[in-house]
Amino acid sequence: MFTLELSDLSIFGQCKLIQDPKDIMNFKAVYTPDQDSYWYGGKYEFSISVPDTYSFDPPKVKCNTKIYHPNIDLKGNVCLNILKEDWKPTLNVSTVLAGLYFLFTDPNPNDPLNHGKL
């Protein structure tokens, strides 16, 4: 089931998936935001780990690239509601990738994870 989902993902132009065919439950997504983003010109790598309990539990996501972003802390933790309290089994990895994409186009300063401390 999960293999089919990965092959059917519609990836935004600014996202590239890096997969290991021997470990499809763990992969990387690399975003290069477009010029409408504050983070234009950067390249940001996220590790995505799909638990054995997927789709009842969301994937675990970590930003591996240092970034100053209100919704990503300095340890790479990502504040995205669908990765926590708003996850539903009807959501999927494509939804998570879209959520990460929207962190670069529409950051949410009203729900900061990074409180401005360097």
PDB file of N, CA and C in Angstrom:
ATOM      1  N   MET A   1       0.816  -1.192   0.000  1.00  0.00           N
ATOM      2  CA  MET A   1       0.000   0.000   0.000  1.00  0.00           C
ATOM      3  C   MET A   1       0.858   1.254   0.000  1.00  0.00           C
ATOM      4  N   PHE A   2       1.835   1.337   0.895  1.00  0.00           N
ATOM      5  CA  PHE A   2       2.672   2.527   0.982  1.00  0.00           C
ATOM      6  C   PHE A   2       3.530   2.682  -0.272  1.00  0.00           C
ATOM      7  N   THR A   3       4.003   1.605  -0.851  1.00  0.00           N
ATOM      8  CA  THR A   3       4.798   1.679  -2.071  1.00  0.00           C
ATOM      9  C   THR A   3       4.002   2.345  -3.186  1.00  0.00           C
ATOM     10  N   LEU A   4       2.741   1.976  -3.337  1.00  0.00           N
ATOM     11  CA  LEU A   4       1.898   2.588  -4.357  1.00  0.00           C
ATOM     12  C   LEU A   4       1.707   4.074  -4.091  1.00  0.00           C
ATOM     13  N   GLU A   5       1.523   4.430  -2.830  1.00  0.00           N
ATOM     14  CA  GLU A   5       1.327   5.828  -2.486  1.00  0.00           C
ATOM     15  C   GLU A   5       2.540   6.660  -2.886  1.00  0.00           C
ATOM     16  N   LEU A   6       3.736   6.186  -2.612  1.00  0.00           N
ATOM     17  CA  LEU A   6       4.934   6.941  -2.976  1.00  0.00           C
ATOM     18  C   LEU A   6       5.065   7.092  -4.477  1.00  0.00           C
ATOM     19  N   SER A   7       4.702   6.063  -5.218  1.00  0.00           N
ATOM     20  CA  SER A   7       4.840   6.162  -6.669  1.00  0.00           C
ATOM     21  C   SER A   7       3.795   7.098  -7.272  1.00  0.00           C
ATOM     22  N   ASP A   8       2.699   7.340  -6.553  1.00  0.00           N
ATOM     23  CA  ASP A   8       1.640   8.203  -7.063  1.00  0.00           C
ATOM     24  C   ASP A   8       1.716   9.636  -6.541  1.00  0.00           C
ATOM     25  N   LEU A   9       2.748   9.970  -5.801  1.00  0.00           N
ATOM     26  CA  LEU A   9       2.844  11.307  -5.224  1.00  0.00           C
ATOM     27  C   LEU A   9       2.908  12.368  -6.305  1.00  0.00           C
ATOM     28  N   SER A  10       2.173  13.425  -6.090  1.00  0.00           N
ATOM     29  CA  SER A  10       2.327  14.579  -6.976  1.00  0.00           C
ATOM     30  C   SER A  10       3.248  15.548  -6.249  1.00  0.00           C
ATOM     31  N   ILE A  11       4.441  15.686  -6.725  1.00  0.00           N
ATOM     32  CA  ILE A  11       5.461  16.485  -6.059  1.00  0.00           C
ATOM     33  C   ILE A  11       5.460  17.887  -6.648  1.00  0.00           C
ATOM     34  N   PHE A  12       5.498  18.854  -5.773  1.00  0.00           N
ATOM     35  CA  PHE A  12       5.612  20.228  -6.214  1.00  0.00           C
ATOM     36  C   PHE A  12       6.970  20.420  -6.875  1.00  0.00           C
ATOM     37  N   GLY A  13       7.058  21.342  -7.806  1.00  0.00           N
ATOM     38  CA  GLY A  13       8.286  21.574  -8.558  1.00  0.00           C
ATOM     39  C   GLY A  13       9.485  21.891  -7.693  1.00  0.00           C
ATOM     40  N   GLN A  14       9.251  22.417  -6.508  1.00  0.00           N
ATOM     41  CA  GLN A  14      10.352  22.778  -5.624  1.00  0.00           C
ATOM     42  C   GLN A  14      10.767  21.639  -4.700  1.00  0.00           C
ATOM     43  N   CYS A  15      10.250  20.464  -4.886  1.00  0.00           N
ATOM     44  CA  CYS A  15      10.544  19.341  -4.001  1.00  0.00           C
ATOM     45  C   CYS A  15      11.090  18.157  -4.790  1.00  0.00           C
ATOM     46  N   LYS A  16      12.134  17.573  -4.239  1.00  0.00           N
ATOM     47  CA  LYS A  16      12.709  16.363  -4.836  1.00  0.00           C
ATOM     48  C   LYS A  16      12.779  15.296  -3.744  1.00  0.00           C
ATOM     49  N   LEU A  17      12.318  14.102  -4.054  1.00  0.00           N
ATOM     50  CA  LEU A  17      12.403  12.993  -3.103  1.00  0.00           C
ATOM     51  C   LEU A  17      13.665  12.195  -3.343  1.00  0.00           C
ATOM     52  N   ILE A  18      14.308  11.813  -2.255  1.00  0.00           N
ATOM     53  CA  ILE A  18      15.482  10.946  -2.325  1.00  0.00           C
ATOM     54  C   ILE A  18      15.114   9.680  -1.556  1.00  0.00           C
ATOM     55  N   GLN A  19      15.025   8.587  -2.282  1.00  0.00           N
ATOM     56  CA  GLN A  19      14.583   7.327  -1.686  1.00  0.00           C
ATOM     57  C   GLN A  19      15.659   6.262  -1.796  1.00  0.00           C
ATOM     58  N   ASP A  20      15.669   5.387  -0.804  1.00  0.00           N
ATOM     59  CA  ASP A  20      16.490   4.193  -0.836  1.00  0.00           C
ATOM     60  C   ASP A  20      15.529   3.038  -1.101  1.00  0.00           C
ATOM     61  N   PRO A  21      15.641   2.365  -2.250  1.00  0.00           N
ATOM     62  CA  PRO A  21      14.684   1.295  -2.560  1.00  0.00           C
ATOM     63  C   PRO A  21      14.686   0.175  -1.521  1.00  0.00           C
ATOM     64  N   LYS A  22      15.746   0.078  -0.728  1.00  0.00           N
ATOM     65  CA  LYS A  22      15.816  -0.963   0.302  1.00  0.00           C
ATOM     66  C   LYS A  22      15.112  -0.542   1.597  1.00  0.00           C
ATOM     67  N   ASP A  23      14.789   0.746   1.715  1.00  0.00           N
ATOM     68  CA  ASP A  23      14.146   1.247   2.934  1.00  0.00           C
ATOM     69  C   ASP A  23      13.119   2.307   2.556  1.00  0.00           C
ATOM     70  N   ILE A  24      11.970   1.866   2.067  1.00  0.00           N
ATOM     71  CA  ILE A  24      10.967   2.818   1.580  1.00  0.00           C
ATOM     72  C   ILE A  24      10.257   3.565   2.713  1.00  0.00           C
ATOM     73  N   MET A  25      10.431   3.138   3.953  1.00  0.00           N
ATOM     74  CA  MET A  25       9.761   3.792   5.073  1.00  0.00           C
ATOM     75  C   MET A  25      10.519   5.029   5.563  1.00  0.00           C
ATOM     76  N   ASN A  26      11.718   5.228   5.075  1.00  0.00           N
ATOM     77  CA  ASN A  26      12.524   6.386   5.448  1.00  0.00           C
ATOM     78  C   ASN A  26      13.078   7.005   4.171  1.00  0.00           C
ATOM     79  N   PHE A  27      12.844   8.286   3.997  1.00  0.00           N
ATOM     80  CA  PHE A  27      13.341   8.963   2.799  1.00  0.00           C
ATOM     81  C   PHE A  27      13.549  10.437   3.108  1.00  0.00           C
ATOM     82  N   LYS A  28      14.066  11.160   2.162  1.00  0.00           N
ATOM     83  CA  LYS A  28      14.328  12.576   2.316  1.00  0.00           C
ATOM     84  C   LYS A  28      13.547  13.361   1.268  1.00  0.00           C
ATOM     85  N   ALA A  29      13.155  14.554   1.640  1.00  0.00           N
ATOM     86  CA  ALA A  29      12.538  15.502   0.717  1.00  0.00           C
ATOM     87  C   ALA A  29      13.403  16.751   0.740  1.00  0.00           C
ATOM     88  N   VAL A  30      13.812  17.209  -0.424  1.00  0.00           N
ATOM     89  CA  VAL A  30      14.641  18.407  -0.524  1.00  0.00           C
ATOM     90  C   VAL A  30      13.823  19.485  -1.225  1.00  0.00           C
ATOM     91  N   TYR A  31      13.645  20.604  -0.531  1.00  0.00           N
ATOM     92  CA  TYR A  31      12.892  21.726  -1.065  1.00  0.00           C
ATOM     93  C   TYR A  31      13.834  22.847  -1.473  1.00  0.00           C
ATOM     94  N   THR A  32      13.591  23.411  -2.639  1.00  0.00           N
ATOM     95  CA  THR A  32      14.272  24.615  -3.098  1.00  0.00           C
ATOM     96  C   THR A  32      13.165  25.632  -3.397  1.00  0.00           C
ATOM     97  N   PRO A  33      12.828  26.453  -2.400  1.00  0.00           N
ATOM     98  CA  PRO A  33      11.700  27.381  -2.554  1.00  0.00           C
ATOM     99  C   PRO A  33      11.874  28.332  -3.736  1.00  0.00           C
ATOM    100  N   ASP A  34      10.736  28.700  -4.328  1.00  0.00           N
ATOM    101  CA  ASP A  34      10.779  29.599  -5.478  1.00  0.00           C
ATOM    102  C   ASP A  34      10.937  31.048  -5.029  1.00  0.00           C
ATOM    103  N   GLN A  35      11.019  31.939  -5.983  1.00  0.00           N
ATOM    104  CA  GLN A  35      11.372  33.328  -5.698  1.00  0.00           C
ATOM    105  C   GLN A  35      10.322  34.094  -4.909  1.00  0.00           C
ATOM    106  N   ASP A  36       9.131  33.568  -4.751  1.00  0.00           N
ATOM    107  CA  ASP A  36       8.108  34.224  -3.939  1.00  0.00           C
ATOM    108  C   ASP A  36       8.270  33.927  -2.451  1.00  0.00           C
ATOM    109  N   SER A  37       9.266  33.145  -2.098  1.00  0.00           N
ATOM    110  CA  SER A  37       9.478  32.729  -0.716  1.00  0.00           C
ATOM    111  C   SER A  37      10.612  33.521  -0.074  1.00  0.00           C
ATOM    112  N   TYR A  38      10.492  33.757   1.237  1.00  0.00           N
ATOM    113  CA  TYR A  38      11.585  34.385   1.982  1.00  0.00           C
ATOM    114  C   TYR A  38      12.849  33.528   1.931  1.00  0.00           C
ATOM    115  N   TRP A  39      12.679  32.235   1.716  1.00  0.00           N
ATOM    116  CA  TRP A  39      13.793  31.290   1.742  1.00  0.00           C
ATOM    117  C   TRP A  39      14.309  30.943   0.348  1.00  0.00           C
ATOM    118  N   TYR A  40      13.964  31.770  -0.632  1.00  0.00           N
ATOM    119  CA  TYR A  40      14.415  31.574  -2.009  1.00  0.00           C
ATOM    120  C   TYR A  40      15.944  31.534  -2.055  1.00  0.00           C
ATOM    121  N   GLY A  41      16.455  30.631  -2.852  1.00  0.00           N
ATOM    122  CA  GLY A  41      17.896  30.484  -3.009  1.00  0.00           C
ATOM    123  C   GLY A  41      18.492  29.429  -2.100  1.00  0.00           C
ATOM    124  N   GLY A  42      17.705  28.963  -1.133  1.00  0.00           N
ATOM    125  CA  GLY A  42      18.186  27.926  -0.220  1.00  0.00           C
ATOM    126  C   GLY A  42      17.746  26.545  -0.659  1.00  0.00           C
ATOM    127  N   LYS A  43      18.342  25.555  -0.017  1.00  0.00           N
ATOM    128  CA  LYS A  43      18.005  24.154  -0.267  1.00  0.00           C
ATOM    129  C   LYS A  43      17.828  23.523   1.105  1.00  0.00           C
ATOM    130  N   TYR A  44      16.657  22.961   1.361  1.00  0.00           N
ATOM    131  CA  TYR A  44      16.312  22.493   2.694  1.00  0.00           C
ATOM    132  C   TYR A  44      15.913  21.024   2.656  1.00  0.00           C
ATOM    133  N   GLU A  45      16.645  20.228   3.425  1.00  0.00           N
ATOM    134  CA  GLU A  45      16.433  18.781   3.440  1.00  0.00           C
ATOM    135  C   GLU A  45      15.647  18.380   4.678  1.00  0.00           C
ATOM    136  N   PHE A  46      14.632  17.555   4.455  1.00  0.00           N
ATOM    137  CA  PHE A  46      13.814  16.999   5.532  1.00  0.00           C
ATOM    138  C   PHE A  46      13.925  15.479   5.505  1.00  0.00           C
ATOM    139  N   SER A  47      14.072  14.877   6.681  1.00  0.00           N
ATOM    140  CA  SER A  47      13.997  13.422   6.813  1.00  0.00           C
ATOM    141  C   SER A  47      12.558  13.072   7.162  1.00  0.00           C
ATOM    142  N   ILE A  48      12.040  12.078   6.481  1.00  0.00           N
ATOM    143  CA  ILE A  48      10.672  11.638   6.728  1.00  0.00           C
ATOM    144  C   ILE A  48      10.710  10.145   7.031  1.00  0.00           C
ATOM    145  N   SER A  49      10.166   9.805   8.193  1.00  0.00           N
ATOM    146  CA  SER A  49      10.148   8.417   8.640  1.00  0.00           C
ATOM    147  C   SER A  49       8.696   8.000   8.848  1.00  0.00           C
ATOM    148  N   VAL A  50       8.301   6.976   8.142  1.00  0.00           N
ATOM    149  CA  VAL A  50       6.925   6.495   8.208  1.00  0.00           C
ATOM    150  C   VAL A  50       6.874   5.349   9.216  1.00  0.00           C
ATOM    151  N   PRO A  51       6.063   5.508  10.280  1.00  0.00           N
ATOM    152  CA  PRO A  51       6.026   4.466  11.315  1.00  0.00           C
ATOM    153  C   PRO A  51       5.260   3.220  10.843  1.00  0.00           C
ATOM    154  N   ASP A  52       5.495   2.125  11.542  1.00  0.00           N
ATOM    155  CA  ASP A  52       4.771   0.881  11.239  1.00  0.00           C
ATOM    156  C   ASP A  52       3.266   1.054  11.432  1.00  0.00           C
ATOM    157  N   THR A  53       2.871   2.015  12.248  1.00  0.00           N
ATOM    158  CA  THR A  53       1.458   2.249  12.549  1.00  0.00           C
ATOM    159  C   THR A  53       0.799   3.236  11.572  1.00  0.00           C
ATOM    160  N   TYR A  54       1.502   3.607  10.505  1.00  0.00           N
ATOM    161  CA  TYR A  54       0.943   4.470   9.459  1.00  0.00           C
ATOM    162  C   TYR A  54      -0.217   3.720   8.804  1.00  0.00           C
ATOM    163  N   SER A  55      -1.275   4.221   8.600  1.00  0.00           N
ATOM    164  CA  SER A  55      -1.759   5.566   8.499  1.00  0.00           C
ATOM    165  C   SER A  55      -2.530   6.043   9.728  1.00  0.00           C
ATOM    166  N   PHE A  56      -2.464   5.267  10.792  1.00  0.00           N
ATOM    167  CA  PHE A  56      -3.096   5.706  12.032  1.00  0.00           C
ATOM    168  C   PHE A  56      -2.258   6.764  12.729  1.00  0.00           C
ATOM    169  N   ASP A  57      -0.956   6.751  12.501  1.00  0.00           N
ATOM    170  CA  ASP A  57      -0.043   7.744  13.072  1.00  0.00           C
ATOM    171  C   ASP A  57       0.687   8.445  11.938  1.00  0.00           C
ATOM    172  N   PRO A  58       0.985   9.735  12.136  1.00  0.00           N
ATOM    173  CA  PRO A  58       1.628  10.495  11.060  1.00  0.00           C
ATOM    174  C   PRO A  58       3.101  10.146  10.906  1.00  0.00           C
ATOM    175  N   PRO A  59       3.658  10.459   9.749  1.00  0.00           N
ATOM    176  CA  PRO A  59       5.113  10.315   9.588  1.00  0.00           C
ATOM    177  C   PRO A  59       5.839  11.263  10.539  1.00  0.00           C
ATOM    178  N   LYS A  60       7.051  10.930  10.879  1.00  0.00           N
ATOM    179  CA  LYS A  60       7.917  11.804  11.681  1.00  0.00           C
ATOM    180  C   LYS A  60       8.756  12.604  10.697  1.00  0.00           C
ATOM    181  N   VAL A  61       8.809  13.914  10.904  1.00  0.00           N
ATOM    182  CA  VAL A  61       9.520  14.800   9.984  1.00  0.00           C
ATOM    183  C   VAL A  61      10.520  15.634  10.761  1.00  0.00           C
ATOM    184  N   LYS A  62      11.707  15.758  10.217  1.00  0.00           N
ATOM    185  CA  LYS A  62      12.778  16.548  10.832  1.00  0.00           C
ATOM    186  C   LYS A  62      13.484  17.333   9.736  1.00  0.00           C
ATOM    187  N   CYS A  63      13.733  18.606   9.983  1.00  0.00           N
ATOM    188  CA  CYS A  63      14.489  19.422   9.032  1.00  0.00           C
ATOM    189  C   CYS A  63      15.973  19.239   9.338  1.00  0.00           C
ATOM    190  N   ASN A  64      16.731  18.790   8.360  1.00  0.00           N
ATOM    191  CA  ASN A  64      18.165  18.525   8.549  1.00  0.00           C
ATOM    192  C   ASN A  64      19.033  19.739   8.233  1.00  0.00           C
ATOM    193  N   THR A  65      18.427  20.790   7.697  1.00  0.00           N
ATOM    194  CA  THR A  65      19.160  21.984   7.295  1.00  0.00           C
ATOM    195  C   THR A  65      18.883  23.091   8.299  1.00  0.00           C
ATOM    196  N   LYS A  66      19.929  23.754   8.765  1.00  0.00           N
ATOM    197  CA  LYS A  66      19.730  24.895   9.666  1.00  0.00           C
ATOM    198  C   LYS A  66      18.946  25.961   8.924  1.00  0.00           C
ATOM    199  N   ILE A  67      17.892  26.442   9.565  1.00  0.00           N
ATOM    200  CA  ILE A  67      17.027  27.441   8.958  1.00  0.00           C
ATOM    201  C   ILE A  67      16.429  28.296  10.060  1.00  0.00           C
ATOM    202  N   TYR A  68      16.269  29.564   9.780  1.00  0.00           N
ATOM    203  CA  TYR A  68      15.542  30.435  10.695  1.00  0.00           C
ATOM    204  C   TYR A  68      14.131  30.572  10.148  1.00  0.00           C
ATOM    205  N   HIS A  69      13.189  29.906  10.803  1.00  0.00           N
ATOM    206  CA  HIS A  69      11.807  29.822  10.333  1.00  0.00           C
ATOM    207  C   HIS A  69      10.907  29.760  11.561  1.00  0.00           C
ATOM    208  N   PRO A  70       9.793  30.485  11.563  1.00  0.00           N
ATOM    209  CA  PRO A  70       8.950  30.479  12.762  1.00  0.00           C
ATOM    210  C   PRO A  70       8.356  29.112  13.097  1.00  0.00           C
ATOM    211  N   ASN A  71       8.236  28.234  12.115  1.00  0.00           N
ATOM    212  CA  ASN A  71       7.589  26.948  12.354  1.00  0.00           C
ATOM    213  C   ASN A  71       8.559  25.767  12.354  1.00  0.00           C
ATOM    214  N   ILE A  72       9.862  26.071  12.371  1.00  0.00           N
ATOM    215  CA  ILE A  72      10.900  25.038  12.466  1.00  0.00           C
ATOM    216  C   ILE A  72      11.896  25.522  13.506  1.00  0.00           C
ATOM    217  N   ASP A  73      12.126  24.716  14.547  1.00  0.00           N
ATOM    218  CA  ASP A  73      13.064  25.178  15.568  1.00  0.00           C
ATOM    219  C   ASP A  73      14.502  24.857  15.176  1.00  0.00           C
ATOM    220  N   LEU A  74      15.432  25.285  16.000  1.00  0.00           N
ATOM    221  CA  LEU A  74      16.846  25.147  15.678  1.00  0.00           C
ATOM    222  C   LEU A  74      17.337  23.699  15.749  1.00  0.00           C
ATOM    223  N   LYS A  75      16.514  22.800  16.295  1.00  0.00           N
ATOM    224  CA  LYS A  75      16.849  21.371  16.323  1.00  0.00           C
ATOM    225  C   LYS A  75      16.226  20.634  15.138  1.00  0.00           C
ATOM    226  N   GLY A  76      15.477  21.357  14.299  1.00  0.00           N
ATOM    227  CA  GLY A  76      14.867  20.749  13.121  1.00  0.00           C
ATOM    228  C   GLY A  76      13.464  20.234  13.325  1.00  0.00           C
ATOM    229  N   ASN A  77      12.897  20.440  14.511  1.00  0.00           N
ATOM    230  CA  ASN A  77      11.517  20.022  14.748  1.00  0.00           C
ATOM    231  C   ASN A  77      10.574  20.915  13.950  1.00  0.00           C
ATOM    232  N   VAL A  78       9.551  20.310  13.392  1.00  0.00           N
ATOM    233  CA  VAL A  78       8.628  21.015  12.503  1.00  0.00           C
ATOM    234  C   VAL A  78       7.271  21.152  13.181  1.00  0.00           C
ATOM    235  N   CYS A  79       6.749  22.378  13.203  1.00  0.00           N
ATOM    236  CA  CYS A  79       5.419  22.639  13.752  1.00  0.00           C
ATOM    237  C   CYS A  79       4.441  22.690  12.583  1.00  0.00           C
ATOM    238  N   LEU A  80       3.749  21.601  12.406  1.00  0.00           N
ATOM    239  CA  LEU A  80       2.759  21.488  11.338  1.00  0.00           C
ATOM    240  C   LEU A  80       1.608  20.675  11.921  1.00  0.00           C
ATOM    241  N   ASN A  81       0.429  21.274  11.992  1.00  0.00           N
ATOM    242  CA  ASN A  81      -0.688  20.649  12.705  1.00  0.00           C
ATOM    243  C   ASN A  81      -1.014  19.238  12.218  1.00  0.00           C
ATOM    244  N   ILE A  82      -0.823  18.954  10.936  1.00  0.00           N
ATOM    245  CA  ILE A  82      -1.151  17.607  10.447  1.00  0.00           C
ATOM    246  C   ILE A  82      -0.137  16.561  10.897  1.00  0.00           C
ATOM    247  N   LEU A  83       0.973  16.997  11.466  1.00  0.00           N
ATOM    248  CA  LEU A  83       1.943  16.048  12.010  1.00  0.00           C
ATOM    249  C   LEU A  83       1.660  15.745  13.478  1.00  0.00           C
ATOM    250  N   LYS A  84       0.644  16.399  14.015  1.00  0.00           N
ATOM    251  CA  LYS A  84       0.317  16.199  15.429  1.00  0.00           C
ATOM    252  C   LYS A  84      -1.184  16.006  15.593  1.00  0.00           C
ATOM    253  N   GLU A  85      -1.835  16.996  16.209  1.00  0.00           N
ATOM    254  CA  GLU A  85      -3.231  16.836  16.609  1.00  0.00           C
ATOM    255  C   GLU A  85      -4.224  16.749  15.460  1.00  0.00           C
ATOM    256  N   ASP A  86      -3.892  17.271  14.301  1.00  0.00           N
ATOM    257  CA  ASP A  86      -4.842  17.237  13.185  1.00  0.00           C
ATOM    258  C   ASP A  86      -4.624  16.071  12.212  1.00  0.00           C
ATOM    259  N   TRP A  87      -3.764  15.125  12.578  1.00  0.00           N
ATOM    260  CA  TRP A  87      -3.553  13.961  11.714  1.00  0.00           C
ATOM    261  C   TRP A  87      -4.802  13.084  11.727  1.00  0.00           C
ATOM    262  N   LYS A  88      -5.154  12.596  10.556  1.00  0.00           N
ATOM    263  CA  LYS A  88      -6.257  11.642  10.405  1.00  0.00           C
ATOM    264  C   LYS A  88      -5.792  10.523   9.470  1.00  0.00           C
ATOM    265  N   PRO A  89      -6.252   9.315   9.663  1.00  0.00           N
ATOM    266  CA  PRO A  89      -5.838   8.213   8.790  1.00  0.00           C
ATOM    267  C   PRO A  89      -6.152   8.432   7.310  1.00  0.00           C
ATOM    268  N   THR A  90      -7.021   9.373   7.002  1.00  0.00           N
ATOM    269  CA  THR A  90      -7.323   9.658   5.600  1.00  0.00           C
ATOM    270  C   THR A  90      -6.253  10.529   4.945  1.00  0.00           C
ATOM    271  N   LEU A  91      -5.364  11.126   5.744  1.00  0.00           N
ATOM    272  CA  LEU A  91      -4.260  11.917   5.197  1.00  0.00           C
ATOM    273  C   LEU A  91      -3.148  10.981   4.750  1.00  0.00           C
ATOM    274  N   ASN A  92      -2.192  11.514   3.989  1.00  0.00           N
ATOM    275  CA  ASN A  92      -1.111  10.654   3.503  1.00  0.00           C
ATOM    276  C   ASN A  92       0.194  11.447   3.379  1.00  0.00           C
ATOM    277  N   VAL A  93       1.211  10.802   2.878  1.00  0.00           N
ATOM    278  CA  VAL A  93       2.528  11.422   2.750  1.00  0.00           C
ATOM    279  C   VAL A  93       2.480  12.604   1.792  1.00  0.00           C
ATOM    280  N   SER A  94       1.689  12.517   0.764  1.00  0.00           N
ATOM    281  CA  SER A  94       1.548  13.629  -0.160  1.00  0.00           C
ATOM    282  C   SER A  94       1.017  14.868   0.555  1.00  0.00           C
ATOM    283  N   THR A  95       0.093  14.690   1.482  1.00  0.00           N
ATOM    284  CA  THR A  95      -0.437  15.793   2.275  1.00  0.00           C
ATOM    285  C   THR A  95       0.661  16.412   3.131  1.00  0.00           C
ATOM    286  N   VAL A  96       1.513  15.579   3.701  1.00  0.00           N
ATOM    287  CA  VAL A  96       2.632  16.068   4.514  1.00  0.00           C
ATOM    288  C   VAL A  96       3.596  16.877   3.645  1.00  0.00           C
ATOM    289  N   LEU A  97       3.911  16.374   2.456  1.00  0.00           N
ATOM    290  CA  LEU A  97       4.808  17.103   1.554  1.00  0.00           C
ATOM    291  C   LEU A  97       4.194  18.445   1.151  1.00  0.00           C
ATOM    292  N   ALA A  98       2.897  18.476   0.929  1.00  0.00           N
ATOM    293  CA  ALA A  98       2.226  19.737   0.610  1.00  0.00           C
ATOM    294  C   ALA A  98       2.302  20.689   1.801  1.00  0.00           C
ATOM    295  N   GLY A  99       2.130  20.164   3.010  1.00  0.00           N
ATOM    296  CA  GLY A  99       2.242  20.993   4.210  1.00  0.00           C
ATOM    297  C   GLY A  99       3.625  21.600   4.359  1.00  0.00           C
ATOM    298  N   LEU A 100       4.655  20.807   4.071  1.00  0.00           N
ATOM    299  CA  LEU A 100       6.027  21.334   4.127  1.00  0.00           C
ATOM    300  C   LEU A 100       6.220  22.412   3.074  1.00  0.00           C
ATOM    301  N   TYR A 101       5.690  22.197   1.897  1.00  0.00           N
ATOM    302  CA  TYR A 101       5.750  23.190   0.825  1.00  0.00           C
ATOM    303  C   TYR A 101       5.134  24.511   1.297  1.00  0.00           C
ATOM    304  N   PHE A 102       3.975  24.423   1.933  1.00  0.00           N
ATOM    305  CA  PHE A 102       3.294  25.637   2.367  1.00  0.00           C
ATOM    306  C   PHE A 102       3.999  26.335   3.527  1.00  0.00           C
ATOM    307  N   LEU A 103       4.863  25.638   4.248  1.00  0.00           N
ATOM    308  CA  LEU A 103       5.680  26.321   5.256  1.00  0.00           C
ATOM    309  C   LEU A 103       6.592  27.351   4.602  1.00  0.00           C
ATOM    310  N   PHE A 104       6.985  27.103   3.352  1.00  0.00           N
ATOM    311  CA  PHE A 104       7.855  28.046   2.651  1.00  0.00           C
ATOM    312  C   PHE A 104       7.063  29.145   1.941  1.00  0.00           C
ATOM    313  N   THR A 105       5.824  28.887   1.591  1.00  0.00           N
ATOM    314  CA  THR A 105       5.040  29.906   0.890  1.00  0.00           C
ATOM    315  C   THR A 105       4.158  30.708   1.852  1.00  0.00           C
ATOM    316  N   ASP A 106       3.688  30.067   2.915  1.00  0.00           N
ATOM    317  CA  ASP A 106       2.801  30.723   3.882  1.00  0.00           C
ATOM    318  C   ASP A 106       3.172  30.328   5.309  1.00  0.00           C
ATOM    319  N   PRO A 107       4.317  30.801   5.818  1.00  0.00           N
ATOM    320  CA  PRO A 107       4.682  30.461   7.205  1.00  0.00           C
ATOM    321  C   PRO A 107       3.624  31.001   8.163  1.00  0.00           C
ATOM    322  N   ASN A 108       3.493  30.360   9.303  1.00  0.00           N
ATOM    323  CA  ASN A 108       2.483  30.753  10.271  1.00  0.00           C
ATOM    324  C   ASN A 108       3.145  31.372  11.501  1.00  0.00           C
ATOM    325  N   PRO A 109       3.313  32.694  11.525  1.00  0.00           N
ATOM    326  CA  PRO A 109       3.947  33.337  12.682  1.00  0.00           C
ATOM    327  C   PRO A 109       3.066  33.318  13.925  1.00  0.00           C
ATOM    328  N   ASN A 110       1.786  33.003  13.775  1.00  0.00           N
ATOM    329  CA  ASN A 110       0.887  32.937  14.927  1.00  0.00           C
ATOM    330  C   ASN A 110       0.999  31.632  15.694  1.00  0.00           C
ATOM    331  N   ASP A 111       1.727  30.670  15.164  1.00  0.00           N
ATOM    332  CA  ASP A 111       1.942  29.380  15.824  1.00  0.00           C
ATOM    333  C   ASP A 111       3.432  29.047  15.766  1.00  0.00           C
ATOM    334  N   PRO A 112       4.258  29.913  16.395  1.00  0.00           N
ATOM    335  CA  PRO A 112       5.706  29.710  16.235  1.00  0.00           C
ATOM    336  C   PRO A 112       6.232  28.562  17.080  1.00  0.00           C
ATOM    337  N   LEU A 113       7.144  27.848  16.497  1.00  0.00           N
ATOM    338  CA  LEU A 113       7.908  26.836  17.213  1.00  0.00           C
ATOM    339  C   LEU A 113       9.244  27.454  17.589  1.00  0.00           C
ATOM    340  N   ASN A 114       9.753  28.281  16.688  1.00  0.00           N
ATOM    341  CA  ASN A 114      10.989  28.997  16.909  1.00  0.00           C
ATOM    342  C   ASN A 114      10.620  30.383  17.423  1.00  0.00           C
ATOM    343  N   HIS A 115      10.939  30.643  18.668  1.00  0.00           N
ATOM    344  CA  HIS A 115      10.559  31.906  19.301  1.00  0.00           C
ATOM    345  C   HIS A 115      11.624  32.985  19.157  1.00  0.00           C
ATOM    346  N   GLY A 116      12.434  32.891  18.115  1.00  0.00           N
ATOM    347  CA  GLY A 116      13.395  33.940  17.825  1.00  0.00           C
ATOM    348  C   GLY A 116      14.712  33.837  18.555  1.00  0.00           C
ATOM    349  N   LYS A 117      14.947  32.756  19.256  1.00  0.00           N
ATOM    350  CA  LYS A 117      16.205  32.595  19.993  1.00  0.00           C
ATOM    351  C   LYS A 117      17.237  31.929  19.100  1.00  0.00           C
ATOM    352  N   LEU A 118      18.398  32.507  19.031  1.00  0.00           N
ATOM    353  CA  LEU A 118      19.483  31.916  18.240  1.00  0.00           C
ATOM    354  C   LEU A 118      20.423  31.144  19.108  1.00  0.00           C
TER     355      LEU A 118
END
